[in-house]
Amino acid sequence: MKIFEMKTKVINLIKAAFLVLVLAGCSKDFLDLEPTDAISEDEVFGSYVTANSALMGAYDQLSSFSFGGLYNPIMADIMGEDVMINSVNNWNWFIPVYQMNLLPNYTYIDAPWWAGYKLIFNANQIINNAIYIPDATPEQMASLVGQAQVLRAYAMLKLAQMYSPAYAKNPDAPSILLNTDSDDLDAGFVRAKLSEVYAQIESDLIAAASQLKANDDKGFFDNRSANALLARLYLDMGKWEMARDHAKLASKDLTLMDINDMFSGFSTRNSETIYTIAYTQEDNNTYLSLPSFYWPVGGYSSMRANKDFVSKFSAADARKSFFLKLDEIDKDRFLIVKFGHNNAVGNAERICIRASEMILIEAECEAELGNHAEAQNALYKVQKRANPGVTKSTATDQALMNEVLLERRKELFGEGFRWQDIKRRQLPFVRTGDHWVKFSFTAQDPDYFRLTFPIPQSEIDANPALSNSDQNIGY
């Protein structure tokens, strides 16, 4: 397995490299729904080539640093207990998010909202106008619409998770704005019920899964990724059978990374990748990509792992090699080397959906359904990759569920899940160890509001259908 040699190689690379310190400010740019340099709707849908270019633009919006490329995954982990921003030399990035001390006018609240709705607006245009493209074949139309539906569903699900209470707490709670038309924006939109938003997401994904074909290029959504997102949606909703079944469809026939693959599997796509965002030096800001905040050399390099979380990995678990302590970089906290650059700073990939997550969804659902043997088998599939000598679990009931949820933490840390896992299951929020901002509260405590973002003040001010009374509790 050569784990020791791999770890030594990583350490030597870090020690030999020059630590690039980039002084950069964090400025807020208001994101208009319609850019001033956009071509007209008639021109966009005048040919398949221009319509497909619009689809590529929507993918770029998903990968932007203020949405899926950086803000979403990083905030979803530092609002948990396993990953944190270093207490010094952090360039002031994401500090209010880590502190869970957010206000409706902060950039971290504002930017993802407008980026998400810009993506939704453009997906709406493709979905509603693809039928009018004069030279598009039925297969091309189906592909355009199907991918746009997954893009819209992806954005809506992420926004709903960020700005709404958990579905398990109240499916009828006020959620996000539900707009699938984009023709008349002047009247504004009220906050739809969370159940209505999830119904729209479900409708989009079911339609997309039925009309999209498999795509070997995992930089684009296909029927497999539509099923994966359905699995996530139903997991949120507590629809265990449906979540399990779609997770199985999403991971079917995929080969999981082995131990050696894991050490290169998070900077480039691999055998278990279902959907990935690629960063390149040409089309992304070099330092506003996920690995620039994690990899200890080059970039902001300010992400750290909580010591109590690291202690949960056994010595035989290969994933423990993702954590390092190097005195010359940080003598107090664990560095994280799970996410690296690919040959050059700024070149990397953020693997957004992969088979291991789907198998862990399967394990959680089987445990919830009381199918203990099936849950144990699914859990073991993921565990044995990182520790071939691990013993298959014999736990049942809550003990088994605890093992599955712990494995999600171990396997998916840094990939943008922990905050939502706490919230969707209404778990206690407890920070211990070397966190420099600590919390301890349960779902029954007033502080639980911190797990839901406020509605941006810019939306309330601009939307005639909203007022300050529509703000989330606690803000």
Protein backbone atom coordinates (compact mmCIF):
# COMPACT_ATOMS: atom_id res chain seq x y z
CA MET A 1 0.00 0.00 0.00
CA LYS A 2 3.00 2.25 0.54
CA ILE A 3 1.12 4.68 2.75
CA PHE A 4 4.24 5.67 4.65
CA GLU A 5 6.12 6.47 1.43
CA MET A 6 3.19 8.55 0.17
CA LYS A 7 2.95 10.51 3.38
CA THR A 8 6.72 11.10 3.37
CA LYS A 9 6.54 12.33 -0.22
CA VAL A 10 3.80 14.81 0.71
CA ILE A 11 5.77 16.06 3.71
CA ASN A 12 8.91 16.54 1.63
CA LEU A 13 6.93 18.38 -1.04
CA ILE A 14 5.51 20.75 1.54
CA LYS A 15 8.87 21.36 3.16
CA ALA A 16 10.58 21.99 -0.16
CA ALA A 17 7.97 24.32 -1.59
CA PHE A 18 7.87 28.05 -1.12
CA LEU A 19 4.89 29.15 0.95
CA VAL A 20 3.13 31.75 -1.16
CA LEU A 21 1.44 34.42 0.94
CA VAL A 22 -1.10 36.36 -1.06
CA LEU A 23 -2.37 39.65 0.28
CA ALA A 24 -5.85 40.13 -1.09
CA GLY A 25 -8.92 41.96 0.04
CA CYS A 26 -12.43 40.61 0.17
CA SER A 27 -14.68 43.01 -1.70
CA LYS A 28 -18.40 42.63 -2.33
CA ASP A 29 -19.68 42.77 -5.87
CA PHE A 30 -23.43 42.92 -6.40
CA LEU A 31 -24.46 40.20 -8.84
CA ASP A 32 -27.12 41.34 -11.30
CA LEU A 33 -29.48 38.70 -12.60
CA GLU A 34 -28.96 39.84 -16.19
CA PRO A 35 -25.43 40.95 -17.14
CA THR A 36 -25.26 44.10 -19.24
CA ASP A 37 -23.13 42.36 -21.88
CA ALA A 38 -25.65 39.51 -22.42
CA ILE A 39 -26.95 38.87 -25.93
CA SER A 40 -30.70 38.88 -26.51
CA GLU A 41 -32.90 35.86 -25.89
CA ASP A 42 -33.70 35.59 -29.60
CA GLU A 43 -30.01 35.41 -30.46
CA VAL A 44 -29.26 32.84 -27.76
CA PHE A 45 -31.94 30.46 -28.98
CA GLY A 46 -31.44 31.20 -32.65
CA SER A 47 -29.18 28.16 -33.00
CA TYR A 48 -28.09 25.09 -31.10
CA VAL A 49 -24.51 26.39 -30.93
CA THR A 50 -25.44 29.61 -29.13
CA ALA A 51 -27.94 27.82 -26.85
CA ASN A 52 -25.27 25.28 -25.88
CA SER A 53 -22.92 28.17 -25.14
CA ALA A 54 -25.56 29.53 -22.76
CA LEU A 55 -25.62 26.14 -21.05
CA MET A 56 -21.84 26.25 -20.66
CA GLY A 57 -22.25 29.70 -19.11
CA ALA A 58 -24.66 28.22 -16.56
CA TYR A 59 -22.07 25.60 -15.64
CA ASP A 60 -19.56 28.41 -15.15
CA GLN A 61 -21.99 30.10 -12.77
CA LEU A 62 -22.30 26.90 -10.76
CA SER A 63 -18.51 26.67 -10.46
CA SER A 64 -18.02 30.33 -9.51
CA PHE A 65 -16.16 30.94 -6.25
CA SER A 66 -19.23 32.56 -4.69
CA PHE A 67 -21.29 29.41 -5.21
CA GLY A 68 -20.27 25.81 -5.90
CA GLY A 69 -16.61 26.45 -6.55
CA LEU A 70 -15.64 27.69 -3.08
CA TYR A 71 -18.23 29.31 -0.81
CA ASN A 72 -20.70 26.41 -0.62
CA PRO A 73 -18.34 23.55 0.23
CA ILE A 74 -16.07 25.51 2.54
CA MET A 75 -18.87 27.14 4.53
CA ALA A 76 -20.65 23.79 4.89
CA ASP A 77 -17.63 22.37 6.72
CA ILE A 78 -16.45 25.28 8.85
CA MET A 79 -20.00 25.58 10.19
CA GLY A 80 -19.44 22.13 11.66
CA GLU A 81 -17.11 20.70 14.26
CA ASP A 82 -14.47 18.87 12.23
CA VAL A 83 -12.86 21.56 10.04
CA MET A 84 -11.94 25.12 10.95
CA ILE A 85 -10.21 28.25 9.78
CA ASN A 86 -6.81 28.77 11.36
CA SER A 87 -6.90 31.33 14.16
CA VAL A 88 -4.04 33.36 12.60
CA ASN A 89 -2.90 34.14 9.05
CA ASN A 90 -6.37 33.48 7.70
CA TRP A 91 -6.62 36.70 5.65
CA ASN A 92 -10.04 37.30 7.24
CA TRP A 93 -11.70 34.88 4.82
CA PHE A 94 -14.84 33.17 6.20
CA ILE A 95 -14.22 34.26 9.80
CA PRO A 96 -17.87 35.30 10.50
CA VAL A 97 -19.00 32.00 8.97
CA TYR A 98 -16.75 29.95 11.23
CA GLN A 99 -17.79 32.07 14.21
CA MET A 100 -21.45 31.57 13.16
CA ASN A 101 -21.94 35.26 13.70
CA LEU A 102 -23.59 36.35 10.45
CA LEU A 103 -25.74 39.32 9.48
CA PRO A 104 -28.11 39.68 6.50
CA ASN A 105 -25.83 42.21 4.76
CA TYR A 106 -22.62 40.13 4.85
CA THR A 107 -20.98 39.04 1.60
CA TYR A 108 -21.10 35.38 2.65
CA ILE A 109 -24.89 35.68 2.88
CA ASP A 110 -25.42 37.90 -0.12
CA ALA A 111 -23.11 36.46 -2.77
CA PRO A 112 -24.28 32.80 -2.78
CA TRP A 113 -27.92 33.91 -2.93
CA TRP A 114 -27.47 36.08 -6.00
CA ALA A 115 -25.10 33.62 -7.67
CA GLY A 116 -27.66 30.86 -7.15
CA TYR A 117 -30.51 32.90 -8.57
CA LYS A 118 -28.45 34.03 -11.52
CA LEU A 119 -27.90 30.34 -12.26
CA ILE A 120 -31.61 29.59 -11.80
CA PHE A 121 -32.59 32.49 -14.08
CA ASN A 122 -30.37 31.24 -16.91
CA ALA A 123 -31.46 27.62 -16.42
CA ASN A 124 -35.08 28.80 -16.68
CA GLN A 125 -34.35 30.45 -20.02
CA ILE A 126 -32.88 27.25 -21.43
CA ILE A 127 -35.68 25.03 -20.10
CA ASN A 128 -38.41 27.33 -21.39
CA ASN A 129 -36.90 28.16 -24.78
CA ALA A 130 -35.01 25.09 -25.98
CA ILE A 131 -38.06 23.90 -27.91
CA TYR A 132 -37.78 26.97 -30.18
CA ILE A 133 -34.19 26.34 -31.34
CA PRO A 134 -34.66 25.92 -35.11
CA ASP A 135 -31.71 23.61 -35.86
CA ALA A 136 -31.67 21.47 -32.68
CA THR A 137 -32.50 17.79 -32.96
CA PRO A 138 -34.88 16.21 -30.40
CA GLU A 139 -31.86 14.58 -28.72
CA GLN A 140 -30.05 17.92 -28.46
CA MET A 141 -33.14 19.61 -27.04
CA ALA A 142 -33.56 16.84 -24.48
CA SER A 143 -29.92 17.14 -23.44
CA LEU A 144 -30.08 20.93 -23.10
CA VAL A 145 -33.28 20.84 -21.06
CA GLY A 146 -32.22 17.90 -18.93
CA GLN A 147 -28.89 19.44 -17.96
CA ALA A 148 -30.56 22.79 -17.26
CA GLN A 149 -33.10 21.04 -15.02
CA VAL A 150 -30.30 19.45 -12.99
CA LEU A 151 -28.50 22.80 -12.78
CA ARG A 152 -31.68 24.48 -11.53
CA ALA A 153 -32.37 21.66 -9.06
CA TYR A 154 -28.77 21.75 -7.80
CA ALA A 155 -28.98 25.50 -7.16
CA MET A 156 -32.42 25.32 -5.54
CA LEU A 157 -31.44 22.46 -3.24
CA LYS A 158 -28.30 24.24 -2.09
CA LEU A 159 -30.15 27.52 -1.51
CA ALA A 160 -32.94 25.75 0.36
CA GLN A 161 -30.44 23.98 2.61
CA MET A 162 -28.68 27.25 3.36
CA TYR A 163 -31.60 29.66 3.83
CA SER A 164 -34.40 27.39 5.14
CA PRO A 165 -34.96 25.42 8.34
CA ALA A 166 -34.45 21.67 8.07
CA TYR A 167 -37.13 19.68 6.29
CA ALA A 168 -37.26 17.33 9.27
CA LYS A 169 -38.16 20.24 11.53
CA ASN A 170 -40.88 21.84 9.41
CA PRO A 171 -41.53 21.02 5.74
CA ASP A 172 -44.01 23.89 5.56
CA ALA A 173 -41.56 26.52 6.82
CA PRO A 174 -40.85 29.56 4.61
CA SER A 175 -38.04 28.68 2.23
CA ILE A 176 -36.52 30.35 -0.81
CA LEU A 177 -38.15 32.16 -3.74
CA LEU A 178 -39.64 29.73 -6.24
CA ASN A 179 -39.24 31.08 -9.76
CA THR A 180 -39.29 28.79 -12.78
CA ASP A 181 -40.37 31.34 -15.37
CA SER A 182 -38.18 34.48 -15.15
CA ASP A 183 -40.51 36.47 -17.42
CA ASP A 184 -41.96 38.86 -14.85
CA LEU A 185 -39.55 39.77 -12.07
CA ASP A 186 -41.01 43.20 -11.25
CA ALA A 187 -43.79 41.94 -8.97
CA GLY A 188 -41.34 40.06 -6.80
CA PHE A 189 -41.70 36.64 -5.20
CA VAL A 190 -42.79 35.53 -1.76
CA ARG A 191 -40.96 32.79 0.11
CA ALA A 192 -42.42 29.45 -0.94
CA LYS A 193 -42.99 26.61 1.51
CA LEU A 194 -40.02 24.28 1.83
CA SER A 195 -42.21 21.37 0.70
CA GLU A 196 -43.09 23.29 -2.48
CA VAL A 197 -39.44 23.98 -3.25
CA TYR A 198 -38.53 20.33 -2.71
CA ALA A 199 -41.43 19.25 -4.94
CA GLN A 200 -40.07 21.45 -7.75
CA ILE A 201 -36.56 20.04 -7.28
CA GLU A 202 -37.97 16.52 -7.34
CA SER A 203 -39.92 17.21 -10.53
CA ASP A 204 -36.85 18.63 -12.29
CA LEU A 205 -34.61 15.73 -11.29
CA ILE A 206 -37.10 12.99 -12.17
CA ALA A 207 -37.58 14.55 -15.61
CA ALA A 208 -33.84 14.93 -16.12
CA ALA A 209 -33.04 11.39 -14.98
CA SER A 210 -35.50 10.01 -17.55
CA GLN A 211 -34.27 12.02 -20.53
CA LEU A 212 -30.53 12.35 -19.98
CA LYS A 213 -28.12 9.65 -21.10
CA ALA A 214 -24.91 8.57 -19.41
CA ASN A 215 -22.00 10.90 -20.09
CA ASP A 216 -18.37 9.86 -19.78
CA ASP A 217 -17.33 13.48 -19.16
CA LYS A 218 -18.12 13.97 -15.47
CA GLY A 219 -17.81 17.73 -15.82
CA PHE A 220 -21.42 17.67 -17.06
CA PHE A 221 -24.62 16.42 -15.47
CA ASP A 222 -26.15 13.18 -16.76
CA ASN A 223 -28.76 10.65 -15.63
CA ARG A 224 -26.41 9.27 -12.97
CA SER A 225 -25.87 12.68 -11.37
CA ALA A 226 -29.62 13.39 -11.52
CA ASN A 227 -30.22 10.20 -9.53
CA ALA A 228 -27.48 11.19 -7.07
CA LEU A 229 -29.16 14.52 -6.41
CA LEU A 230 -32.50 12.75 -5.97
CA ALA A 231 -30.81 10.57 -3.35
CA ARG A 232 -29.64 13.72 -1.51
CA LEU A 233 -33.09 15.28 -1.78
CA TYR A 234 -34.90 12.24 -0.40
CA LEU A 235 -32.29 11.91 2.36
CA ASP A 236 -33.18 15.45 3.47
CA MET A 237 -36.86 14.53 3.37
CA GLY A 238 -36.45 11.29 5.32
CA LYS A 239 -37.80 9.23 2.42
CA TRP A 240 -35.42 6.38 3.12
CA GLU A 241 -36.49 3.82 0.50
CA MET A 242 -36.40 6.38 -2.30
CA ALA A 243 -33.07 7.84 -1.18
CA ARG A 244 -31.57 4.34 -1.04
CA ASP A 245 -32.90 3.32 -4.45
CA HIS A 246 -31.63 6.44 -6.22
CA ALA A 247 -28.27 6.19 -4.46
CA LYS A 248 -27.94 2.67 -5.84
CA LEU A 249 -28.77 3.89 -9.34
CA ALA A 250 -26.20 6.66 -9.02
CA SER A 251 -23.35 4.38 -7.90
CA LYS A 252 -24.22 1.33 -10.02
CA ASP A 253 -21.17 -0.24 -11.73
CA LEU A 254 -18.77 2.40 -10.40
CA THR A 255 -15.48 1.26 -8.85
CA LEU A 256 -14.53 2.92 -5.59
CA MET A 257 -11.10 4.46 -5.16
CA ASP A 258 -8.57 2.17 -3.51
CA ILE A 259 -6.06 3.37 -0.93
CA ASN A 260 -3.53 4.55 -3.46
CA ASP A 261 -6.15 6.34 -5.55
CA MET A 262 -7.33 8.27 -2.51
CA PHE A 263 -4.10 10.24 -2.38
CA SER A 264 -4.62 11.63 -5.87
CA GLY A 265 -8.39 11.27 -6.04
CA PHE A 266 -9.30 14.74 -4.82
CA SER A 267 -7.41 16.85 -7.33
CA THR A 268 -8.60 15.03 -10.43
CA ARG A 269 -11.61 12.93 -11.42
CA ASN A 270 -11.40 9.19 -10.88
CA SER A 271 -13.33 5.92 -11.11
CA GLU A 272 -16.00 6.89 -8.56
CA THR A 273 -16.58 10.47 -9.74
CA ILE A 274 -20.20 11.28 -10.61
CA TYR A 275 -19.87 15.06 -11.05
CA THR A 276 -16.87 17.35 -10.73
CA ILE A 277 -15.99 21.04 -11.05
CA ALA A 278 -12.68 21.69 -12.78
CA TYR A 279 -10.53 24.68 -11.86
CA THR A 280 -7.99 25.91 -14.38
CA GLN A 281 -5.62 28.86 -14.40
CA GLU A 282 -7.35 30.15 -17.53
CA ASP A 283 -10.94 30.44 -16.31
CA ASN A 284 -10.77 30.66 -12.50
CA ASN A 285 -9.14 32.95 -10.01
CA THR A 286 -6.04 30.99 -9.00
CA TYR A 287 -6.46 31.60 -5.28
CA LEU A 288 -10.25 31.42 -5.07
CA SER A 289 -10.48 27.67 -5.52
CA LEU A 290 -11.03 25.02 -2.88
CA PRO A 291 -7.46 23.62 -2.81
CA SER A 292 -6.01 27.09 -2.37
CA PHE A 293 -7.67 27.21 1.06
CA TYR A 294 -6.72 23.64 2.01
CA TRP A 295 -3.35 22.74 0.51
CA PRO A 296 -0.64 24.00 2.88
CA VAL A 297 1.53 25.38 0.05
CA GLY A 298 0.29 28.06 -2.34
CA GLY A 299 -2.87 30.04 -1.79
CA TYR A 300 -4.50 31.11 1.45
CA SER A 301 -3.70 27.78 3.13
CA SER A 302 -5.78 28.48 6.21
CA MET A 303 -7.91 25.35 6.72
CA ARG A 304 -7.21 23.11 9.71
CA ALA A 305 -8.63 19.88 11.16
CA ASN A 306 -9.91 19.75 14.72
CA LYS A 307 -7.72 17.51 16.87
CA ASP A 308 -10.69 15.68 18.41
CA PHE A 309 -11.88 14.82 14.90
CA VAL A 310 -8.43 13.55 13.88
CA SER A 311 -8.36 11.31 16.97
CA LYS A 312 -11.42 9.45 15.65
CA PHE A 313 -9.31 7.86 12.88
CA SER A 314 -7.52 4.65 13.86
CA ALA A 315 -3.81 4.33 13.18
CA ALA A 316 -4.62 1.72 10.50
CA ASP A 317 -6.96 4.08 8.64
CA ALA A 318 -5.15 5.40 5.56
CA ARG A 319 -7.24 8.57 5.66
CA LYS A 320 -5.39 9.63 8.80
CA SER A 321 -2.54 10.50 6.45
CA PHE A 322 -4.61 13.45 5.22
CA PHE A 323 -3.67 15.24 8.47
CA LEU A 324 -0.18 16.55 9.15
CA LYS A 325 1.55 18.65 11.76
CA LEU A 326 4.55 20.61 10.50
CA ASP A 327 6.16 23.06 12.89
CA GLU A 328 7.45 25.31 10.13
CA ILE A 329 3.89 25.89 8.85
CA ASP A 330 1.67 25.42 11.91
CA LYS A 331 2.91 23.82 15.10
CA ASP A 332 -0.45 23.96 16.88
CA ARG A 333 -3.04 22.58 14.48
CA PHE A 334 -3.41 19.82 11.92
CA LEU A 335 -2.90 20.69 8.25
CA ILE A 336 -5.18 19.02 5.72
CA VAL A 337 -3.67 17.55 2.53
CA LYS A 338 -6.78 15.89 1.15
CA PHE A 339 -7.28 18.55 -1.53
CA GLY A 340 -4.30 19.42 -3.68
CA HIS A 341 -3.49 21.35 -6.80
CA ASN A 342 -2.98 19.42 -10.03
CA ASN A 343 0.58 20.15 -11.24
CA ALA A 344 0.20 23.92 -10.81
CA VAL A 345 -1.49 26.26 -8.36
CA GLY A 346 -4.99 26.95 -9.67
CA ASN A 347 -5.33 23.68 -11.57
CA ALA A 348 -7.48 21.20 -9.66
CA GLU A 349 -10.91 19.68 -9.45
CA ARG A 350 -13.60 19.76 -6.81
CA ILE A 351 -15.33 16.40 -6.93
CA CYS A 352 -18.88 17.36 -5.97
CA ILE A 353 -20.60 13.97 -6.15
CA ARG A 354 -18.98 10.54 -5.89
CA ALA A 355 -19.94 6.93 -5.37
CA SER A 356 -18.70 6.64 -1.78
CA GLU A 357 -21.24 9.27 -0.72
CA MET A 358 -23.99 7.32 -2.44
CA ILE A 359 -23.04 4.10 -0.66
CA LEU A 360 -23.07 5.93 2.67
CA ILE A 361 -26.54 7.24 1.82
CA GLU A 362 -27.51 3.64 1.16
CA ALA A 363 -26.06 2.61 4.55
CA GLU A 364 -27.92 5.38 6.41
CA CYS A 365 -31.22 4.54 4.75
CA GLU A 366 -30.90 0.81 5.41
CA ALA A 367 -30.11 1.55 9.05
CA GLU A 368 -33.19 3.77 9.28
CA LEU A 369 -35.31 1.03 7.72
CA GLY A 370 -34.03 -1.55 10.22
CA ASN A 371 -32.18 -3.51 7.53
CA HIS A 372 -29.11 -3.94 9.69
CA ALA A 373 -27.20 -6.46 7.57
CA GLU A 374 -27.60 -4.37 4.42
CA ALA A 375 -26.47 -1.23 6.28
CA GLN A 376 -23.46 -3.06 7.70
CA ASN A 377 -22.49 -4.32 4.23
CA ALA A 378 -22.72 -0.86 2.66
CA LEU A 379 -20.74 0.68 5.51
CA TYR A 380 -18.05 -1.98 5.15
CA LYS A 381 -17.64 -1.23 1.42
CA VAL A 382 -16.43 2.26 2.27
CA GLN A 383 -14.46 1.39 5.40
CA LYS A 384 -12.39 -1.45 3.93
CA ARG A 385 -10.90 0.79 1.21
CA ALA A 386 -9.17 2.92 3.81
CA ASN A 387 -8.47 0.09 6.25
CA PRO A 388 -8.39 -3.38 4.63
CA GLY A 389 -8.14 -5.01 8.05
CA VAL A 390 -11.24 -3.38 9.48
CA THR A 391 -13.89 -5.65 10.98
CA LYS A 392 -17.39 -5.41 9.56
CA SER A 393 -19.80 -3.79 12.02
CA THR A 394 -22.20 -5.96 13.99
CA ALA A 395 -24.00 -2.98 15.54
CA THR A 396 -27.75 -2.46 15.25
CA ASP A 397 -30.29 0.31 15.84
CA GLN A 398 -28.88 3.63 17.11
CA ALA A 399 -25.35 2.24 17.56
CA LEU A 400 -25.28 1.32 13.87
CA MET A 401 -26.64 4.72 12.88
CA ASN A 402 -23.93 6.38 14.94
CA GLU A 403 -21.28 4.38 13.08
CA VAL A 404 -22.73 5.36 9.70
CA LEU A 405 -22.84 9.06 10.60
CA LEU A 406 -19.28 8.92 11.93
CA GLU A 407 -18.16 7.30 8.69
CA ARG A 408 -19.79 10.13 6.74
CA ARG A 409 -17.68 12.56 8.77
CA LYS A 410 -14.49 10.61 8.11
CA GLU A 411 -15.05 9.93 4.44
CA LEU A 412 -16.60 13.24 3.35
CA PHE A 413 -14.82 15.83 5.49
CA GLY A 414 -13.95 18.96 3.56
CA GLU A 415 -16.40 18.06 0.77
CA GLY A 416 -19.24 20.21 2.09
CA PHE A 417 -21.57 17.92 4.06
CA ARG A 418 -21.11 18.16 7.82
CA TRP A 419 -23.17 21.29 8.51
CA GLN A 420 -26.10 19.96 6.50
CA ASP A 421 -25.82 16.53 8.15
CA ILE A 422 -26.12 18.13 11.59
CA LYS A 423 -29.01 20.30 10.48
CA ARG A 424 -31.03 17.75 8.49
CA ARG A 425 -30.93 15.24 11.36
CA GLN A 426 -31.36 17.94 14.04
CA LEU A 427 -28.23 16.72 15.86
CA PRO A 428 -26.55 18.53 18.76
CA PHE A 429 -23.88 21.02 17.70
CA VAL A 430 -20.77 20.64 19.85
CA ARG A 431 -17.29 22.04 19.24
CA THR A 432 -14.46 20.85 21.47
CA GLY A 433 -10.68 20.44 21.31
CA ASP A 434 -8.62 23.14 19.64
CA HIS A 435 -11.49 25.11 18.10
CA TRP A 436 -10.94 28.78 18.85
CA VAL A 437 -14.70 29.41 18.76
CA LYS A 438 -16.65 26.81 20.72
CA PHE A 439 -20.38 26.06 20.82
CA SER A 440 -22.62 23.53 22.51
CA PHE A 441 -26.35 23.55 21.79
CA THR A 442 -29.13 21.19 20.75
CA ALA A 443 -32.02 21.51 18.32
CA GLN A 444 -34.23 22.65 21.21
CA ASP A 445 -31.93 25.56 22.13
CA PRO A 446 -32.41 29.11 20.78
CA ASP A 447 -28.90 29.11 19.27
CA TYR A 448 -29.92 26.48 16.70
CA PHE A 449 -31.02 29.32 14.43
CA ARG A 450 -27.32 29.79 13.63
CA LEU A 451 -27.45 26.74 11.36
CA THR A 452 -29.78 28.60 8.97
CA PHE A 453 -28.52 31.60 7.03
CA PRO A 454 -30.50 34.85 7.06
CA ILE A 455 -32.29 35.98 3.92
CA PRO A 456 -30.00 38.63 2.35
CA GLN A 457 -31.03 42.17 3.19
CA SER A 458 -30.40 43.09 -0.45
CA GLU A 459 -33.19 40.70 -1.49
CA ILE A 460 -35.62 42.06 1.09
CA ASP A 461 -34.85 45.62 -0.01
CA ALA A 462 -35.20 44.87 -3.73
CA ASN A 463 -38.16 42.47 -3.63
CA PRO A 464 -41.54 44.23 -3.30
CA ALA A 465 -43.15 40.98 -2.12
CA LEU A 466 -40.86 40.76 0.95
CA SER A 467 -40.43 42.81 4.09
CA ASN A 468 -38.25 42.53 7.17
CA SER A 469 -40.98 40.42 8.77
CA ASP A 470 -40.06 37.68 6.28
CA GLN A 471 -36.57 37.36 7.75
CA ASN A 472 -35.48 34.06 9.31
CA ILE A 473 -35.76 33.60 13.07
CA GLY A 474 -32.79 34.98 15.02
CA TYR A 475 -31.87 37.72 12.55
